[in-house]
Amino acid sequence: MRRRGRLVAWIMLAAWGTWLSGAQAMLVTRGTLGPWVPDPLLLLVVVIAVKLHRRDVVPATFILALCRTATTVDSPAAILAGFGILSVLVVNARRYADSNRMLVRFQPNP
């Protein structure tokens, strides 16, 4: 039962990632605010990297990078590299900062 719940969570992450990437592509191409549209998938990678266990960050980032490659014409290698670098930076920064709701506490290196 528990394994099925994890599978559903990964499928829902892929669905949300594809939806967000498609919405961003639509806003950039059809809207007049194209350059000002933030990147929701990169924000989602940061949130996921902060909240998930370390072992789940890489698969989640890979899933979101694949969602981006499905809705863009950019190079898949560049997308995978960018998402991977961002997740590594956030996971490593998590050692030094502890986020609790809106407060961020920095702690010395043990």
PDB file of N, CA and C in Angstrom:
ATOM      1  N   MET A   1       0.814  -1.195   0.000  1.00  0.00           N
ATOM      2  CA  MET A   1       0.000   0.000   0.000  1.00  0.00           C
ATOM      3  C   MET A   1       0.859   1.261   0.000  1.00  0.00           C
ATOM      4  N   ARG A   2       1.912   1.225   0.794  1.00  0.00           N
ATOM      5  CA  ARG A   2       2.774   2.400   0.884  1.00  0.00           C
ATOM      6  C   ARG A   2       3.491   2.661  -0.443  1.00  0.00           C
ATOM      7  N   ARG A   3       3.898   1.595  -1.118  1.00  0.00           N
ATOM      8  CA  ARG A   3       4.592   1.739  -2.391  1.00  0.00           C
ATOM      9  C   ARG A   3       3.669   2.352  -3.447  1.00  0.00           C
ATOM     10  N   ARG A   4       2.390   1.991  -3.395  1.00  0.00           N
ATOM     11  CA  ARG A   4       1.430   2.544  -4.339  1.00  0.00           C
ATOM     12  C   ARG A   4       1.251   4.051  -4.124  1.00  0.00           C
ATOM     13  N   GLY A   5       1.294   4.482  -2.864  1.00  0.00           N
ATOM     14  CA  GLY A   5       1.177   5.902  -2.554  1.00  0.00           C
ATOM     15  C   GLY A   5       2.354   6.701  -3.103  1.00  0.00           C
ATOM     16  N   ARG A   6       3.568   6.135  -3.027  1.00  0.00           N
ATOM     17  CA  ARG A   6       4.738   6.810  -3.589  1.00  0.00           C
ATOM     18  C   ARG A   6       4.631   6.911  -5.108  1.00  0.00           C
ATOM     19  N   LEU A   7       4.137   5.850  -5.740  1.00  0.00           N
ATOM     20  CA  LEU A   7       3.981   5.864  -7.191  1.00  0.00           C
ATOM     21  C   LEU A   7       2.971   6.927  -7.617  1.00  0.00           C
ATOM     22  N   VAL A   8       1.872   7.017  -6.900  1.00  0.00           N
ATOM     23  CA  VAL A   8       0.871   8.044  -7.202  1.00  0.00           C
ATOM     24  C   VAL A   8       1.468   9.443  -7.012  1.00  0.00           C
ATOM     25  N   ALA A   9       2.283   9.605  -5.985  1.00  0.00           N
ATOM     26  CA  ALA A   9       2.916  10.909  -5.750  1.00  0.00           C
ATOM     27  C   ALA A   9       3.848  11.287  -6.899  1.00  0.00           C
ATOM     28  N   TRP A  10       4.630  10.325  -7.402  1.00  0.00           N
ATOM     29  CA  TRP A  10       5.528  10.624  -8.525  1.00  0.00           C
ATOM     30  C   TRP A  10       4.727  10.940  -9.791  1.00  0.00           C
ATOM     31  N   ILE A  11       3.633  10.222 -10.016  1.00  0.00           N
ATOM     32  CA  ILE A  11       2.797  10.495 -11.194  1.00  0.00           C
ATOM     33  C   ILE A  11       2.159  11.877 -11.090  1.00  0.00           C
ATOM     34  N   MET A  12       1.699  12.241  -9.898  1.00  0.00           N
ATOM     35  CA  MET A  12       1.098  13.570  -9.711  1.00  0.00           C
ATOM     36  C   MET A  12       2.147  14.677  -9.890  1.00  0.00           C
ATOM     37  N   LEU A  13       3.377  14.427  -9.452  1.00  0.00           N
ATOM     38  CA  LEU A  13       4.446  15.406  -9.672  1.00  0.00           C
ATOM     39  C   LEU A  13       4.687  15.603 -11.163  1.00  0.00           C
ATOM     40  N   ALA A  14       4.688  14.509 -11.922  1.00  0.00           N
ATOM     41  CA  ALA A  14       4.864  14.617 -13.372  1.00  0.00           C
ATOM     42  C   ALA A  14       3.693  15.358 -14.017  1.00  0.00           C
ATOM     43  N   ALA A  15       2.489  15.097 -13.541  1.00  0.00           N
ATOM     44  CA  ALA A  15       1.321  15.792 -14.099  1.00  0.00           C
ATOM     45  C   ALA A  15       1.375  17.282 -13.795  1.00  0.00           C
ATOM     46  N   TRP A  16       1.681  17.649 -12.549  1.00  0.00           N
ATOM     47  CA  TRP A  16       1.791  19.063 -12.186  1.00  0.00           C
ATOM     48  C   TRP A  16       2.932  19.737 -12.936  1.00  0.00           C
ATOM     49  N   GLY A  17       4.057  19.037 -13.066  1.00  0.00           N
ATOM     50  CA  GLY A  17       5.195  19.610 -13.784  1.00  0.00           C
ATOM     51  C   GLY A  17       4.879  19.873 -15.242  1.00  0.00           C
ATOM     52  N   THR A  18       4.211  18.929 -15.894  1.00  0.00           N
ATOM     53  CA  THR A  18       3.841  19.118 -17.300  1.00  0.00           C
ATOM     54  C   THR A  18       2.837  20.256 -17.443  1.00  0.00           C
ATOM     55  N   TRP A  19       1.878  20.315 -16.544  1.00  0.00           N
ATOM     56  CA  TRP A  19       0.883  21.381 -16.592  1.00  0.00           C
ATOM     57  C   TRP A  19       1.536  22.749 -16.390  1.00  0.00           C
ATOM     58  N   LEU A  20       2.404  22.865 -15.401  1.00  0.00           N
ATOM     59  CA  LEU A  20       3.067  24.145 -15.141  1.00  0.00           C
ATOM     60  C   LEU A  20       3.972  24.558 -16.300  1.00  0.00           C
ATOM     61  N   SER A  21       4.682  23.606 -16.874  1.00  0.00           N
ATOM     62  CA  SER A  21       5.560  23.919 -18.000  1.00  0.00           C
ATOM     63  C   SER A  21       4.751  24.347 -19.224  1.00  0.00           C
ATOM     64  N   GLY A  22       3.640  23.678 -19.475  1.00  0.00           N
ATOM     65  CA  GLY A  22       2.774  24.078 -20.587  1.00  0.00           C
ATOM     66  C   GLY A  22       2.148  25.443 -20.369  1.00  0.00           C
ATOM     67  N   ALA A  23       1.737  25.724 -19.131  1.00  0.00           N
ATOM     68  CA  ALA A  23       1.161  27.039 -18.824  1.00  0.00           C
ATOM     69  C   ALA A  23       2.196  28.134 -18.998  1.00  0.00           C
ATOM     70  N   GLN A  24       3.423  27.862 -18.588  1.00  0.00           N
ATOM     71  CA  GLN A  24       4.469  28.862 -18.779  1.00  0.00           C
ATOM     72  C   GLN A  24       4.745  29.088 -20.261  1.00  0.00           C
ATOM     73  N   ALA A  25       4.787  28.022 -21.040  1.00  0.00           N
ATOM     74  CA  ALA A  25       5.021  28.161 -22.478  1.00  0.00           C
ATOM     75  C   ALA A  25       3.904  28.967 -23.137  1.00  0.00           C
ATOM     76  N   MET A  26       2.664  28.732 -22.713  1.00  0.00           N
ATOM     77  CA  MET A  26       1.547  29.491 -23.273  1.00  0.00           C
ATOM     78  C   MET A  26       1.647  30.970 -22.898  1.00  0.00           C
ATOM     79  N   LEU A  27       1.986  31.263 -21.644  1.00  0.00           N
ATOM     80  CA  LEU A  27       2.101  32.650 -21.226  1.00  0.00           C
ATOM     81  C   LEU A  27       3.237  33.375 -21.936  1.00  0.00           C
ATOM     82  N   VAL A  28       4.324  32.677 -22.177  1.00  0.00           N
ATOM     83  CA  VAL A  28       5.460  33.311 -22.848  1.00  0.00           C
ATOM     84  C   VAL A  28       5.147  33.586 -24.316  1.00  0.00           C
ATOM     85  N   THR A  29       4.501  32.647 -24.995  1.00  0.00           N
ATOM     86  CA  THR A  29       4.269  32.821 -26.429  1.00  0.00           C
ATOM     87  C   THR A  29       3.074  33.703 -26.744  1.00  0.00           C
ATOM     88  N   ARG A  30       2.014  33.642 -25.937  1.00  0.00           N
ATOM     89  CA  ARG A  30       0.799  34.389 -26.259  1.00  0.00           C
ATOM     90  C   ARG A  30       0.654  35.689 -25.500  1.00  0.00           C
ATOM     91  N   GLY A  31       1.284  35.795 -24.371  1.00  0.00           N
ATOM     92  CA  GLY A  31       1.106  36.980 -23.541  1.00  0.00           C
ATOM     93  C   GLY A  31       2.072  38.094 -23.903  1.00  0.00           C
ATOM     94  N   THR A  32       1.732  39.287 -23.477  1.00  0.00           N
ATOM     95  CA  THR A  32       2.616  40.420 -23.716  1.00  0.00           C
ATOM     96  C   THR A  32       3.690  40.521 -22.638  1.00  0.00           C
ATOM     97  N   LEU A  33       3.516  39.753 -21.570  1.00  0.00           N
ATOM     98  CA  LEU A  33       4.481  39.780 -20.479  1.00  0.00           C
ATOM     99  C   LEU A  33       5.470  38.622 -20.570  1.00  0.00           C
ATOM    100  N   GLY A  34       5.798  38.195 -21.770  1.00  0.00           N
ATOM    101  CA  GLY A  34       6.663  37.042 -21.973  1.00  0.00           C
ATOM    102  C   GLY A  34       7.967  37.054 -21.196  1.00  0.00           C
ATOM    103  N   PRO A  35       8.749  38.130 -21.248  1.00  0.00           N
ATOM    104  CA  PRO A  35      10.018  38.142 -20.515  1.00  0.00           C
ATOM    105  C   PRO A  35       9.849  38.194 -18.997  1.00  0.00           C
ATOM    106  N   TRP A  36       8.679  38.557 -18.523  1.00  0.00           N
ATOM    107  CA  TRP A  36       8.464  38.730 -17.090  1.00  0.00           C
ATOM    108  C   TRP A  36       7.827  37.523 -16.420  1.00  0.00           C
ATOM    109  N   VAL A  37       7.558  36.477 -17.183  1.00  0.00           N
ATOM    110  CA  VAL A  37       6.934  35.282 -16.613  1.00  0.00           C
ATOM    111  C   VAL A  37       7.997  34.505 -15.838  1.00  0.00           C
ATOM    112  N   PRO A  38       7.778  34.251 -14.541  1.00  0.00           N
ATOM    113  CA  PRO A  38       8.760  33.472 -13.775  1.00  0.00           C
ATOM    114  C   PRO A  38       8.741  32.004 -14.192  1.00  0.00           C
ATOM    115  N   ASP A  39       9.747  31.291 -13.796  1.00  0.00           N
ATOM    116  CA  ASP A  39       9.849  29.881 -14.144  1.00  0.00           C
ATOM    117  C   ASP A  39       9.284  29.033 -13.008  1.00  0.00           C
ATOM    118  N   PRO A  40       8.057  28.543 -13.154  1.00  0.00           N
ATOM    119  CA  PRO A  40       7.438  27.808 -12.042  1.00  0.00           C
ATOM    120  C   PRO A  40       8.100  26.464 -11.757  1.00  0.00           C
ATOM    121  N   LEU A  41       8.684  25.828 -12.760  1.00  0.00           N
ATOM    122  CA  LEU A  41       9.317  24.536 -12.502  1.00  0.00           C
ATOM    123  C   LEU A  41      10.592  24.677 -11.681  1.00  0.00           C
ATOM    124  N   LEU A  42      11.362  25.728 -11.926  1.00  0.00           N
ATOM    125  CA  LEU A  42      12.555  25.934 -11.109  1.00  0.00           C
ATOM    126  C   LEU A  42      12.178  26.267  -9.669  1.00  0.00           C
ATOM    127  N   LEU A  43      11.109  27.020  -9.498  1.00  0.00           N
ATOM    128  CA  LEU A  43      10.633  27.292  -8.143  1.00  0.00           C
ATOM    129  C   LEU A  43      10.155  26.011  -7.472  1.00  0.00           C
ATOM    130  N   LEU A  44       9.504  25.143  -8.227  1.00  0.00           N
ATOM    131  CA  LEU A  44       9.046  23.870  -7.685  1.00  0.00           C
ATOM    132  C   LEU A  44      10.228  22.977  -7.306  1.00  0.00           C
ATOM    133  N   VAL A  45      11.311  23.008  -8.093  1.00  0.00           N
ATOM    134  CA  VAL A  45      12.515  22.242  -7.750  1.00  0.00           C
ATOM    135  C   VAL A  45      13.089  22.721  -6.424  1.00  0.00           C
ATOM    136  N   VAL A  46      13.127  24.039  -6.216  1.00  0.00           N
ATOM    137  CA  VAL A  46      13.665  24.574  -4.967  1.00  0.00           C
ATOM    138  C   VAL A  46      12.795  24.145  -3.789  1.00  0.00           C
ATOM    139  N   VAL A  47      11.489  24.245  -3.928  1.00  0.00           N
ATOM    140  CA  VAL A  47      10.583  23.851  -2.844  1.00  0.00           C
ATOM    141  C   VAL A  47      10.710  22.358  -2.556  1.00  0.00           C
ATOM    142  N   ILE A  48      10.782  21.559  -3.584  1.00  0.00           N
ATOM    143  CA  ILE A  48      10.902  20.114  -3.404  1.00  0.00           C
ATOM    144  C   ILE A  48      12.239  19.758  -2.768  1.00  0.00           C
ATOM    145  N   ALA A  49      13.309  20.410  -3.202  1.00  0.00           N
ATOM    146  CA  ALA A  49      14.626  20.107  -2.647  1.00  0.00           C
ATOM    147  C   ALA A  49      14.727  20.489  -1.176  1.00  0.00           C
ATOM    148  N   VAL A  50      13.964  21.479  -0.755  1.00  0.00           N
ATOM    149  CA  VAL A  50      13.980  21.881   0.652  1.00  0.00           C
ATOM    150  C   VAL A  50      13.139  20.934   1.500  1.00  0.00           C
ATOM    151  N   LYS A  51      12.030  20.476   0.994  1.00  0.00           N
ATOM    152  CA  LYS A  51      11.076  19.705   1.798  1.00  0.00           C
ATOM    153  C   LYS A  51      11.265  18.187   1.746  1.00  0.00           C
ATOM    154  N   LEU A  52      11.731  17.648   0.648  1.00  0.00           N
ATOM    155  CA  LEU A  52      11.834  16.190   0.515  1.00  0.00           C
ATOM    156  C   LEU A  52      13.094  15.646   1.168  1.00  0.00           C
ATOM    157  N   HIS A  53      13.105  14.340   1.350  1.00  0.00           N
ATOM    158  CA  HIS A  53      14.303  13.657   1.824  1.00  0.00           C
ATOM    159  C   HIS A  53      15.361  13.711   0.723  1.00  0.00           C
ATOM    160  N   ARG A  54      16.604  13.673   1.112  1.00  0.00           N
ATOM    161  CA  ARG A  54      17.692  13.813   0.123  1.00  0.00           C
ATOM    162  C   ARG A  54      17.642  12.770  -0.980  1.00  0.00           C
ATOM    163  N   ARG A  55      17.234  11.552  -0.665  1.00  0.00           N
ATOM    164  CA  ARG A  55      17.223  10.501  -1.688  1.00  0.00           C
ATOM    165  C   ARG A  55      16.144  10.738  -2.743  1.00  0.00           C
ATOM    166  N   ASP A  56      15.132  11.550  -2.436  1.00  0.00           N
ATOM    167  CA  ASP A  56      14.048  11.798  -3.374  1.00  0.00           C
ATOM    168  C   ASP A  56      14.247  13.044  -4.225  1.00  0.00           C
ATOM    169  N   VAL A  57      15.259  13.831  -3.936  1.00  0.00           N
ATOM    170  CA  VAL A  57      15.445  15.092  -4.664  1.00  0.00           C
ATOM    171  C   VAL A  57      15.880  14.842  -6.108  1.00  0.00           C
ATOM    172  N   VAL A  58      16.816  13.939  -6.312  1.00  0.00           N
ATOM    173  CA  VAL A  58      17.316  13.687  -7.672  1.00  0.00           C
ATOM    174  C   VAL A  58      16.225  13.113  -8.583  1.00  0.00           C
ATOM    175  N   PRO A  59      15.462  12.091  -8.156  1.00  0.00           N
ATOM    176  CA  PRO A  59      14.387  11.622  -9.043  1.00  0.00           C
ATOM    177  C   PRO A  59      13.322  12.687  -9.317  1.00  0.00           C
ATOM    178  N   ALA A  60      12.984  13.479  -8.302  1.00  0.00           N
ATOM    179  CA  ALA A  60      11.983  14.536  -8.512  1.00  0.00           C
ATOM    180  C   ALA A  60      12.493  15.582  -9.494  1.00  0.00           C
ATOM    181  N   THR A  61      13.749  15.954  -9.368  1.00  0.00           N
ATOM    182  CA  THR A  61      14.330  16.923 -10.296  1.00  0.00           C
ATOM    183  C   THR A  61      14.377  16.359 -11.709  1.00  0.00           C
ATOM    184  N   PHE A  62      14.711  15.084 -11.835  1.00  0.00           N
ATOM    185  CA  PHE A  62      14.753  14.444 -13.149  1.00  0.00           C
ATOM    186  C   PHE A  62      13.362  14.414 -13.784  1.00  0.00           C
ATOM    187  N   ILE A  63      12.348  14.108 -12.999  1.00  0.00           N
ATOM    188  CA  ILE A  63      10.976  14.092 -13.514  1.00  0.00           C
ATOM    189  C   ILE A  63      10.572  15.482 -13.997  1.00  0.00           C
ATOM    190  N   LEU A  64      10.873  16.518 -13.212  1.00  0.00           N
ATOM    191  CA  LEU A  64      10.506  17.880 -13.619  1.00  0.00           C
ATOM    192  C   LEU A  64      11.304  18.340 -14.838  1.00  0.00           C
ATOM    193  N   ALA A  65      12.556  17.905 -14.946  1.00  0.00           N
ATOM    194  CA  ALA A  65      13.337  18.244 -16.138  1.00  0.00           C
ATOM    195  C   ALA A  65      12.754  17.573 -17.380  1.00  0.00           C
ATOM    196  N   LEU A  66      12.289  16.342 -17.230  1.00  0.00           N
ATOM    197  CA  LEU A  66      11.644  15.672 -18.368  1.00  0.00           C
ATOM    198  C   LEU A  66      10.337  16.359 -18.748  1.00  0.00           C
ATOM    199  N   CYS A  67       9.622  16.869 -17.752  1.00  0.00           N
ATOM    200  CA  CYS A  67       8.397  17.625 -18.040  1.00  0.00           C
ATOM    201  C   CYS A  67       8.723  18.873 -18.847  1.00  0.00           C
ATOM    202  N   ARG A  68       9.831  19.524 -18.516  1.00  0.00           N
ATOM    203  CA  ARG A  68      10.222  20.719 -19.263  1.00  0.00           C
ATOM    204  C   ARG A  68      10.623  20.378 -20.689  1.00  0.00           C
ATOM    205  N   THR A  69      11.337  19.263 -20.870  1.00  0.00           N
ATOM    206  CA  THR A  69      11.756  18.896 -22.224  1.00  0.00           C
ATOM    207  C   THR A  69      10.569  18.524 -23.100  1.00  0.00           C
ATOM    208  N   ALA A  70       9.469  18.109 -22.487  1.00  0.00           N
ATOM    209  CA  ALA A  70       8.284  17.734 -23.266  1.00  0.00           C
ATOM    210  C   ALA A  70       7.561  18.948 -23.839  1.00  0.00           C
ATOM    211  N   THR A  71       7.767  20.119 -23.258  1.00  0.00           N
ATOM    212  CA  THR A  71       7.007  21.291 -23.691  1.00  0.00           C
ATOM    213  C   THR A  71       7.878  22.419 -24.224  1.00  0.00           C
ATOM    214  N   THR A  72       9.131  22.156 -24.515  1.00  0.00           N
ATOM    215  CA  THR A  72      10.003  23.213 -25.010  1.00  0.00           C
ATOM    216  C   THR A  72      10.868  22.688 -26.144  1.00  0.00           C
ATOM    217  N   VAL A  73      11.498  23.597 -26.848  1.00  0.00           N
ATOM    218  CA  VAL A  73      12.396  23.212 -27.930  1.00  0.00           C
ATOM    219  C   VAL A  73      13.853  23.349 -27.517  1.00  0.00           C
ATOM    220  N   ASP A  74      14.105  23.677 -26.256  1.00  0.00           N
ATOM    221  CA  ASP A  74      15.470  23.808 -25.761  1.00  0.00           C
ATOM    222  C   ASP A  74      16.140  22.438 -25.689  1.00  0.00           C
ATOM    223  N   SER A  75      17.450  22.470 -25.588  1.00  0.00           N
ATOM    224  CA  SER A  75      18.234  21.242 -25.541  1.00  0.00           C
ATOM    225  C   SER A  75      17.959  20.455 -24.264  1.00  0.00           C
ATOM    226  N   PRO A  76      17.625  19.168 -24.382  1.00  0.00           N
ATOM    227  CA  PRO A  76      17.387  18.365 -23.182  1.00  0.00           C
ATOM    228  C   PRO A  76      18.614  18.275 -22.269  1.00  0.00           C
ATOM    229  N   ALA A  77      19.801  18.238 -22.861  1.00  0.00           N
ATOM    230  CA  ALA A  77      21.013  18.170 -22.038  1.00  0.00           C
ATOM    231  C   ALA A  77      21.180  19.437 -21.199  1.00  0.00           C
ATOM    232  N   ALA A  78      20.892  20.580 -21.795  1.00  0.00           N
ATOM    233  CA  ALA A  78      21.001  21.838 -21.047  1.00  0.00           C
ATOM    234  C   ALA A  78      19.954  21.918 -19.942  1.00  0.00           C
ATOM    235  N   ILE A  79      18.764  21.445 -20.217  1.00  0.00           N
ATOM    236  CA  ILE A  79      17.699  21.459 -19.202  1.00  0.00           C
ATOM    237  C   ILE A  79      18.058  20.529 -18.044  1.00  0.00           C
ATOM    238  N   LEU A  80      18.504  19.317 -18.361  1.00  0.00           N
ATOM    239  CA  LEU A  80      18.889  18.371 -17.308  1.00  0.00           C
ATOM    240  C   LEU A  80      20.048  18.913 -16.477  1.00  0.00           C
ATOM    241  N   ALA A  81      21.022  19.537 -17.131  1.00  0.00           N
ATOM    242  CA  ALA A  81      22.163  20.094 -16.400  1.00  0.00           C
ATOM    243  C   ALA A  81      21.731  21.247 -15.498  1.00  0.00           C
ATOM    244  N   GLY A  82      20.888  22.125 -16.003  1.00  0.00           N
ATOM    245  CA  GLY A  82      20.434  23.255 -15.203  1.00  0.00           C
ATOM    246  C   GLY A  82      19.626  22.822 -13.990  1.00  0.00           C
ATOM    247  N   PHE A  83      18.710  21.917 -14.187  1.00  0.00           N
ATOM    248  CA  PHE A  83      17.896  21.427 -13.076  1.00  0.00           C
ATOM    249  C   PHE A  83      18.752  20.659 -12.075  1.00  0.00           C
ATOM    250  N   GLY A  84      19.687  19.865 -12.579  1.00  0.00           N
ATOM    251  CA  GLY A  84      20.563  19.099 -11.689  1.00  0.00           C
ATOM    252  C   GLY A  84      21.450  19.990 -10.848  1.00  0.00           C
ATOM    253  N   ILE A  85      22.031  21.016 -11.453  1.00  0.00           N
ATOM    254  CA  ILE A  85      22.885  21.945 -10.716  1.00  0.00           C
ATOM    255  C   ILE A  85      22.080  22.682  -9.653  1.00  0.00           C
ATOM    256  N   LEU A  86      20.878  23.106  -9.996  1.00  0.00           N
ATOM    257  CA  LEU A  86      20.039  23.810  -9.028  1.00  0.00           C
ATOM    258  C   LEU A  86      19.694  22.912  -7.839  1.00  0.00           C
ATOM    259  N   SER A  87      19.343  21.667  -8.099  1.00  0.00           N
ATOM    260  CA  SER A  87      18.978  20.783  -6.992  1.00  0.00           C
ATOM    261  C   SER A  87      20.180  20.481  -6.108  1.00  0.00           C
ATOM    262  N   VAL A  88      21.363  20.310  -6.688  1.00  0.00           N
ATOM    263  CA  VAL A  88      22.559  20.067  -5.886  1.00  0.00           C
ATOM    264  C   VAL A  88      22.877  21.276  -5.015  1.00  0.00           C
ATOM    265  N   LEU A  89      22.748  22.474  -5.576  1.00  0.00           N
ATOM    266  CA  LEU A  89      23.004  23.686  -4.797  1.00  0.00           C
ATOM    267  C   LEU A  89      22.033  23.824  -3.633  1.00  0.00           C
ATOM    268  N   VAL A  90      20.764  23.572  -3.876  1.00  0.00           N
ATOM    269  CA  VAL A  90      19.768  23.730  -2.813  1.00  0.00           C
ATOM    270  C   VAL A  90      19.941  22.665  -1.738  1.00  0.00           C
ATOM    271  N   VAL A  91      20.224  21.429  -2.133  1.00  0.00           N
ATOM    272  CA  VAL A  91      20.411  20.359  -1.143  1.00  0.00           C
ATOM    273  C   VAL A  91      21.639  20.641  -0.282  1.00  0.00           C
ATOM    274  N   ASN A  92      22.710  21.139  -0.902  1.00  0.00           N
ATOM    275  CA  ASN A  92      23.902  21.457  -0.126  1.00  0.00           C
ATOM    276  C   ASN A  92      23.698  22.684   0.751  1.00  0.00           C
ATOM    277  N   ALA A  93      22.917  23.633   0.306  1.00  0.00           N
ATOM    278  CA  ALA A  93      22.635  24.819   1.125  1.00  0.00           C
ATOM    279  C   ALA A  93      21.720  24.473   2.292  1.00  0.00           C
ATOM    280  N   ARG A  94      21.009  23.381   2.183  1.00  0.00           N
ATOM    281  CA  ARG A  94      20.108  22.951   3.247  1.00  0.00           C
ATOM    282  C   ARG A  94      20.858  22.581   4.522  1.00  0.00           C
ATOM    283  N   ARG A  95      22.126  22.259   4.387  1.00  0.00           N
ATOM    284  CA  ARG A  95      22.944  21.953   5.555  1.00  0.00           C
ATOM    285  C   ARG A  95      23.140  23.163   6.455  1.00  0.00           C
ATOM    286  N   TYR A  96      23.173  24.338   5.857  1.00  0.00           N
ATOM    287  CA  TYR A  96      23.506  25.550   6.592  1.00  0.00           C
ATOM    288  C   TYR A  96      22.288  26.374   6.997  1.00  0.00           C
ATOM    289  N   ALA A  97      21.171  26.163   6.350  1.00  0.00           N
ATOM    290  CA  ALA A  97      19.976  26.940   6.659  1.00  0.00           C
ATOM    291  C   ALA A  97      18.825  25.995   6.974  1.00  0.00           C
ATOM    292  N   ASP A  98      18.101  26.312   8.015  1.00  0.00           N
ATOM    293  CA  ASP A  98      16.944  25.525   8.413  1.00  0.00           C
ATOM    294  C   ASP A  98      15.716  26.402   8.253  1.00  0.00           C
ATOM    295  N   SER A  99      14.824  26.024   7.343  1.00  0.00           N
ATOM    296  CA  SER A  99      13.638  26.841   7.113  1.00  0.00           C
ATOM    297  C   SER A  99      12.478  26.289   7.928  1.00  0.00           C
ATOM    298  N   ASN A 100      11.851  27.153   8.672  1.00  0.00           N
ATOM    299  CA  ASN A 100      10.699  26.779   9.473  1.00  0.00           C
ATOM    300  C   ASN A 100       9.631  27.833   9.230  1.00  0.00           C
ATOM    301  N   ARG A 101       8.628  27.473   8.452  1.00  0.00           N
ATOM    302  CA  ARG A 101       7.588  28.397   8.001  1.00  0.00           C
ATOM    303  C   ARG A 101       8.232  29.558   7.263  1.00  0.00           C
ATOM    304  N   MET A 102       8.123  30.767   7.768  1.00  0.00           N
ATOM    305  CA  MET A 102       8.691  31.918   7.062  1.00  0.00           C
ATOM    306  C   MET A 102      10.063  32.321   7.598  1.00  0.00           C
ATOM    307  N   LEU A 103      10.471  31.745   8.707  1.00  0.00           N
ATOM    308  CA  LEU A 103      11.752  32.095   9.302  1.00  0.00           C
ATOM    309  C   LEU A 103      12.849  31.187   8.766  1.00  0.00           C
ATOM    310  N   VAL A 104      14.015  31.745   8.561  1.00  0.00           N
ATOM    311  CA  VAL A 104      15.174  30.961   8.153  1.00  0.00           C
ATOM    312  C   VAL A 104      16.253  31.163   9.194  1.00  0.00           C
ATOM    313  N   ARG A 105      16.718  30.073   9.759  1.00  0.00           N
ATOM    314  CA  ARG A 105      17.773  30.137  10.759  1.00  0.00           C
ATOM    315  C   ARG A 105      19.041  29.555  10.169  1.00  0.00           C
ATOM    316  N   PHE A 106      20.121  30.296  10.280  1.00  0.00           N
ATOM    317  CA  PHE A 106      21.411  29.787   9.820  1.00  0.00           C
ATOM    318  C   PHE A 106      22.156  29.209  11.010  1.00  0.00           C
ATOM    319  N   GLN A 107      22.716  28.048  10.823  1.00  0.00           N
ATOM    320  CA  GLN A 107      23.407  27.402  11.911  1.00  0.00           C
ATOM    321  C   GLN A 107      24.862  27.174  11.520  1.00  0.00           C
ATOM    322  N   PRO A 108      25.773  27.187  12.479  1.00  0.00           N
ATOM    323  CA  PRO A 108      27.176  26.956  12.159  1.00  0.00           C
ATOM    324  C   PRO A 108      27.402  25.540  11.679  1.00  0.00           C
ATOM    325  N   ASN A 109      28.441  25.372  10.938  1.00  0.00           N
ATOM    326  CA  ASN A 109      28.785  24.065  10.409  1.00  0.00           C
ATOM    327  C   ASN A 109      29.264  23.164  11.559  1.00  0.00           C
ATOM    328  N   PRO A 110      28.604  22.010  11.798  1.00  0.00           N
ATOM    329  CA  PRO A 110      29.000  21.153  12.924  1.00  0.00           C
ATOM    330  C   PRO A 110      30.285  20.420  12.683  1.00  0.00           C
TER     331      PRO A 110
END
